[in-house]
Amino acid sequence: MKIRCIAVDDEPLALAQIGSYIQKTPFLELVAMCKNADEALDVLRKEEINLVFLDIDMPEINGIELVKSLLHKPQIVFTTAYSEYAYEGFQVDAVDYLLKPFDYATFLKAANKSKVWFEANLTDKTELPKKPERKEIYVKSDYKVVRVSLADIKYIESANEYIKIHLDSGEMVVTFMRLKALAALLPESDFMQIHRSFIINLNKIKAVDKNRIFLDKKLYIPVGEQYKTAFDEYLRNNFLNFN
């Protein structure tokens, strides 16, 4: 049994050091080394990750914001050169907080804290806990962290460096984020990117007419050519008499 880990740090030397520490530790498995939050979100979406060694001071999305955006998060060990982040780190239930520079002995002490937690919480000793299904996300909008229920999202629209989250109520949440980064937070069973600028909630589809997906009587979103094959496959798997 090994704890599956990723390391996230925008400083190459720091990232390499943490990666080497993980590989040196017998009960840890290094799954990926990520240079920013976008890369980390992509891995967290695709892989079962149990522990993240996470830098706090990163561009665009910092480590604290990344963790707050994860409703069901893995164990977190923060790594940073700034002691003033310590309080915020423990407010989001981090396993430990490592102040750079730190040696392998300090790293191992934090890793062992995570190991103790997993050993105490395993129901099946042959495998680590599965990632729970996500029901909501938290995004930064107008200087606040806003909770958005996935069931309330109708569709998501890219607008240059921002995205607009359109809700059933008619409200819209705007946040500074790339569409790809948000897509990594969304369950593939409910959401699909069907155009370079749009992700839809598959549960909101009212009708499909050729390459147009209607989310209500008047609102439709076009299916981009590069996304058509995946969407057609979804229709085949979920609708009767599809040709």
Protein backbone atom coordinates (compact mmCIF):
# COMPACT_ATOMS: atom_id res chain seq x y z
CA MET A 1 0.00 0.00 0.00
CA LYS A 2 1.37 3.41 -0.98
CA ILE A 3 -0.03 6.92 -0.56
CA ARG A 4 -0.43 8.48 -4.00
CA CYS A 5 1.06 11.99 -4.08
CA ILE A 6 1.55 15.01 -6.27
CA ALA A 7 3.95 17.91 -5.73
CA VAL A 8 2.88 21.42 -6.78
CA ASP A 9 5.34 24.32 -6.91
CA ASP A 10 6.10 27.04 -9.48
CA GLU A 11 9.81 27.07 -8.51
CA PRO A 12 11.61 24.31 -10.49
CA LEU A 13 14.29 23.66 -7.86
CA ALA A 14 11.79 23.41 -5.02
CA LEU A 15 9.56 21.14 -7.12
CA ALA A 16 12.49 18.86 -7.96
CA GLN A 17 13.50 18.64 -4.30
CA ILE A 18 10.00 17.68 -3.11
CA GLY A 19 9.72 15.15 -5.93
CA SER A 20 12.99 13.55 -4.87
CA TYR A 21 11.85 13.43 -1.23
CA ILE A 22 8.62 11.67 -2.24
CA GLN A 23 10.51 9.12 -4.33
CA LYS A 24 12.89 8.52 -1.42
CA THR A 25 10.02 7.68 0.96
CA PRO A 26 8.96 3.99 0.77
CA PHE A 27 5.26 4.51 1.60
CA LEU A 28 4.76 7.38 -0.89
CA GLU A 29 4.14 7.12 -4.65
CA LEU A 30 4.88 10.16 -6.85
CA VAL A 31 2.10 10.42 -9.44
CA ALA A 32 2.92 13.86 -10.90
CA MET A 33 4.95 17.03 -10.46
CA CYS A 34 2.93 20.16 -11.29
CA LYS A 35 4.23 23.66 -12.00
CA ASN A 36 0.95 25.45 -11.25
CA ALA A 37 -2.63 25.05 -10.00
CA ASP A 38 -4.01 24.33 -13.48
CA GLU A 39 -1.75 21.30 -13.88
CA ALA A 40 -2.63 20.12 -10.36
CA LEU A 41 -6.37 20.40 -11.02
CA ASP A 42 -5.98 18.40 -14.21
CA VAL A 43 -4.21 15.58 -12.34
CA LEU A 44 -6.70 15.66 -9.45
CA ARG A 45 -9.51 15.24 -11.95
CA LYS A 46 -7.96 12.24 -13.70
CA GLU A 47 -6.20 10.41 -10.87
CA GLU A 48 -6.96 9.19 -7.36
CA ILE A 49 -4.62 11.39 -5.32
CA ASN A 50 -4.35 10.95 -1.57
CA LEU A 51 -1.78 13.58 -0.58
CA VAL A 52 -0.65 16.90 -2.10
CA PHE A 53 2.57 18.74 -1.21
CA LEU A 54 1.43 22.22 -2.19
CA ASP A 55 3.23 25.55 -2.48
CA ILE A 56 1.12 28.52 -1.38
CA ASP A 57 2.63 31.51 -3.20
CA MET A 58 1.86 30.75 -6.86
CA PRO A 59 0.57 32.98 -9.70
CA GLU A 60 -3.10 33.12 -10.81
CA ILE A 61 -4.41 30.59 -8.27
CA ASN A 62 -2.42 30.28 -5.05
CA GLY A 63 -2.29 27.18 -2.89
CA ILE A 64 -4.88 28.37 -0.35
CA GLU A 65 -7.36 29.27 -3.11
CA LEU A 66 -6.77 25.92 -4.80
CA VAL A 67 -7.59 23.99 -1.63
CA LYS A 68 -10.68 26.14 -0.94
CA SER A 69 -11.95 25.31 -4.44
CA LEU A 70 -11.82 21.58 -3.65
CA LEU A 71 -14.93 20.48 -1.80
CA HIS A 72 -13.60 16.95 -1.32
CA LYS A 73 -9.88 17.41 -0.96
CA PRO A 74 -6.98 15.01 -0.45
CA GLN A 75 -4.64 15.41 2.50
CA ILE A 76 -2.62 18.63 2.14
CA VAL A 77 0.90 19.52 3.27
CA PHE A 78 1.66 23.17 2.52
CA THR A 79 5.18 24.21 1.56
CA THR A 80 6.08 27.90 1.52
CA ALA A 81 8.81 30.43 2.22
CA TYR A 82 6.36 32.74 4.01
CA SER A 83 5.41 32.06 7.65
CA GLU A 84 2.48 34.53 7.54
CA TYR A 85 0.44 31.93 5.60
CA ALA A 86 0.54 29.44 8.48
CA TYR A 87 -2.78 30.43 10.04
CA GLU A 88 -4.64 30.24 6.70
CA GLY A 89 -3.00 26.89 6.02
CA PHE A 90 -4.29 25.27 9.16
CA GLN A 91 -7.72 26.90 8.67
CA VAL A 92 -8.21 24.58 5.68
CA ASP A 93 -7.24 21.51 7.72
CA ALA A 94 -3.74 20.99 6.34
CA VAL A 95 -1.85 17.99 7.70
CA ASP A 96 1.28 20.09 8.12
CA TYR A 97 2.95 23.34 7.11
CA LEU A 98 6.58 23.21 6.00
CA LEU A 99 8.58 26.42 5.93
CA LYS A 100 11.19 26.54 3.15
CA PRO A 101 13.96 25.58 3.10
CA PHE A 102 13.38 22.25 4.84
CA ASP A 103 15.39 19.04 4.92
CA TYR A 104 14.30 15.44 4.35
CA ALA A 105 13.85 14.76 8.08
CA THR A 106 11.30 17.60 8.31
CA PHE A 107 9.57 16.39 5.16
CA LEU A 108 9.42 12.83 6.49
CA LYS A 109 7.82 13.99 9.74
CA ALA A 110 4.97 15.59 7.75
CA ALA A 111 4.63 12.53 5.51
CA ASN A 112 4.37 10.30 8.58
CA LYS A 113 1.50 12.41 9.93
CA SER A 114 -0.41 11.68 6.72
CA LYS A 115 0.50 7.98 6.92
CA VAL A 116 -0.90 7.74 10.47
CA TRP A 117 -4.16 9.34 9.33
CA PHE A 118 -4.59 6.94 6.40
CA GLU A 119 -3.83 3.89 8.50
CA ALA A 120 -6.42 4.99 11.07
CA ASN A 121 -9.11 5.71 8.48
CA LEU A 122 -8.79 2.82 6.02
CA THR A 123 -11.88 0.63 5.95
CA ASP A 124 -10.30 -1.72 3.41
CA LYS A 125 -6.62 -2.25 4.15
CA THR A 126 -5.91 -3.17 0.52
CA GLU A 127 -6.72 0.25 -0.90
CA LEU A 128 -6.85 3.93 0.01
CA PRO A 129 -10.10 5.92 0.26
CA LYS A 130 -11.82 6.86 -2.99
CA LYS A 131 -12.47 10.47 -3.92
CA PRO A 132 -16.12 11.38 -3.06
CA GLU A 133 -18.38 12.70 -5.79
CA ARG A 134 -18.32 16.48 -6.02
CA LYS A 135 -21.59 18.40 -5.50
CA GLU A 136 -20.33 22.00 -5.41
CA ILE A 137 -17.35 24.20 -6.19
CA TYR A 138 -15.94 27.39 -4.71
CA VAL A 139 -14.71 30.16 -7.02
CA LYS A 140 -13.31 33.64 -6.45
CA SER A 141 -15.69 36.36 -7.66
CA ASP A 142 -15.76 40.09 -6.77
CA TYR A 143 -13.12 39.61 -4.06
CA LYS A 144 -15.19 36.87 -2.39
CA VAL A 145 -15.06 33.08 -2.48
CA VAL A 146 -18.48 32.04 -3.80
CA ARG A 147 -20.10 28.63 -3.36
CA VAL A 148 -21.73 27.30 -6.53
CA SER A 149 -23.89 24.16 -6.47
CA LEU A 150 -23.16 22.04 -9.55
CA ALA A 151 -26.87 21.21 -9.86
CA ASP A 152 -27.62 24.93 -10.33
CA ILE A 153 -25.20 25.42 -13.25
CA LYS A 154 -26.80 25.58 -16.70
CA TYR A 155 -23.68 26.30 -18.74
CA ILE A 156 -20.25 27.91 -18.49
CA GLU A 157 -18.90 30.43 -20.99
CA SER A 158 -15.33 31.49 -21.64
CA ALA A 159 -14.70 35.24 -21.98
CA ASN A 160 -11.00 35.78 -22.64
CA GLU A 161 -9.25 35.33 -19.26
CA TYR A 162 -12.56 35.14 -17.39
CA ILE A 163 -15.35 32.59 -17.27
CA LYS A 164 -19.07 33.19 -16.77
CA ILE A 165 -20.99 30.55 -14.83
CA HIS A 166 -24.65 30.80 -15.87
CA LEU A 167 -27.11 29.50 -13.27
CA ASP A 168 -30.71 28.25 -13.53
CA SER A 169 -31.85 31.32 -11.60
CA GLY A 170 -30.57 33.61 -14.35
CA GLU A 171 -27.70 34.81 -12.15
CA MET A 172 -24.15 34.75 -13.43
CA VAL A 173 -20.93 34.24 -11.46
CA VAL A 174 -17.86 35.74 -13.12
CA THR A 175 -14.40 34.60 -12.08
CA PHE A 176 -10.82 35.07 -13.28
CA MET A 177 -10.03 31.56 -14.45
CA ARG A 178 -9.48 29.61 -17.64
CA LEU A 179 -12.16 27.26 -18.93
CA LYS A 180 -9.71 24.35 -18.84
CA ALA A 181 -9.00 24.92 -15.14
CA LEU A 182 -12.68 24.87 -14.21
CA ALA A 183 -13.34 21.85 -16.42
CA ALA A 184 -10.85 19.93 -14.27
CA LEU A 185 -13.09 20.53 -11.23
CA LEU A 186 -16.28 19.24 -12.84
CA PRO A 187 -17.49 15.62 -12.90
CA GLU A 188 -17.40 14.20 -16.43
CA SER A 189 -20.69 12.37 -15.78
CA ASP A 190 -22.55 15.69 -15.61
CA PHE A 191 -20.55 18.24 -17.60
CA MET A 192 -19.07 18.26 -21.09
CA GLN A 193 -17.16 20.80 -23.12
CA ILE A 194 -18.98 20.99 -26.46
CA HIS A 195 -17.29 24.09 -27.90
CA ARG A 196 -13.96 25.84 -27.28
CA SER A 197 -15.91 28.53 -25.39
CA PHE A 198 -18.66 26.49 -23.69
CA ILE A 199 -19.18 23.72 -21.14
CA ILE A 200 -22.76 22.54 -20.60
CA ASN A 201 -24.49 20.73 -17.78
CA LEU A 202 -25.68 17.57 -19.53
CA ASN A 203 -28.64 17.34 -17.17
CA LYS A 204 -30.00 20.64 -18.55
CA ILE A 205 -30.31 19.52 -22.19
CA LYS A 206 -33.86 20.00 -23.49
CA ALA A 207 -33.34 19.13 -27.14
CA VAL A 208 -30.68 18.55 -29.78
CA ASP A 209 -31.16 19.83 -33.33
CA LYS A 210 -28.29 18.92 -35.65
CA ASN A 211 -25.26 20.73 -34.15
CA ARG A 212 -27.26 22.82 -31.69
CA ILE A 213 -27.96 21.89 -28.06
CA PHE A 214 -31.01 23.61 -26.58
CA LEU A 215 -30.93 24.30 -22.85
CA ASP A 216 -34.37 25.92 -23.01
CA LYS A 217 -36.78 26.95 -25.79
CA LYS A 218 -34.68 29.90 -26.95
CA LEU A 219 -31.17 29.23 -25.63
CA TYR A 220 -28.93 26.95 -27.64
CA ILE A 221 -25.20 26.30 -27.76
CA PRO A 222 -23.42 25.13 -30.94
CA VAL A 223 -21.36 21.94 -30.91
CA GLY A 224 -17.83 22.63 -32.13
CA GLU A 225 -16.46 20.31 -34.80
CA GLN A 226 -13.66 18.93 -32.61
CA TYR A 227 -16.19 18.10 -29.83
CA LYS A 228 -18.86 16.52 -32.05
CA THR A 229 -17.55 12.93 -31.83
CA ALA A 230 -17.55 12.92 -28.02
CA PHE A 231 -21.03 14.43 -27.83
CA ASP A 232 -22.45 11.99 -30.38
CA GLU A 233 -21.02 9.15 -28.30
CA TYR A 234 -22.78 10.57 -25.24
CA LEU A 235 -26.09 10.59 -27.16
CA ARG A 236 -25.59 6.99 -28.28
CA ASN A 237 -25.01 5.88 -24.71
CA ASN A 238 -27.94 7.77 -23.20
CA PHE A 239 -30.75 8.12 -25.76
CA LEU A 240 -32.96 5.58 -27.47
CA ASN A 241 -33.13 5.26 -31.26
CA PHE A 242 -30.15 7.53 -31.93
CA ASN A 243 -28.80 7.33 -35.49
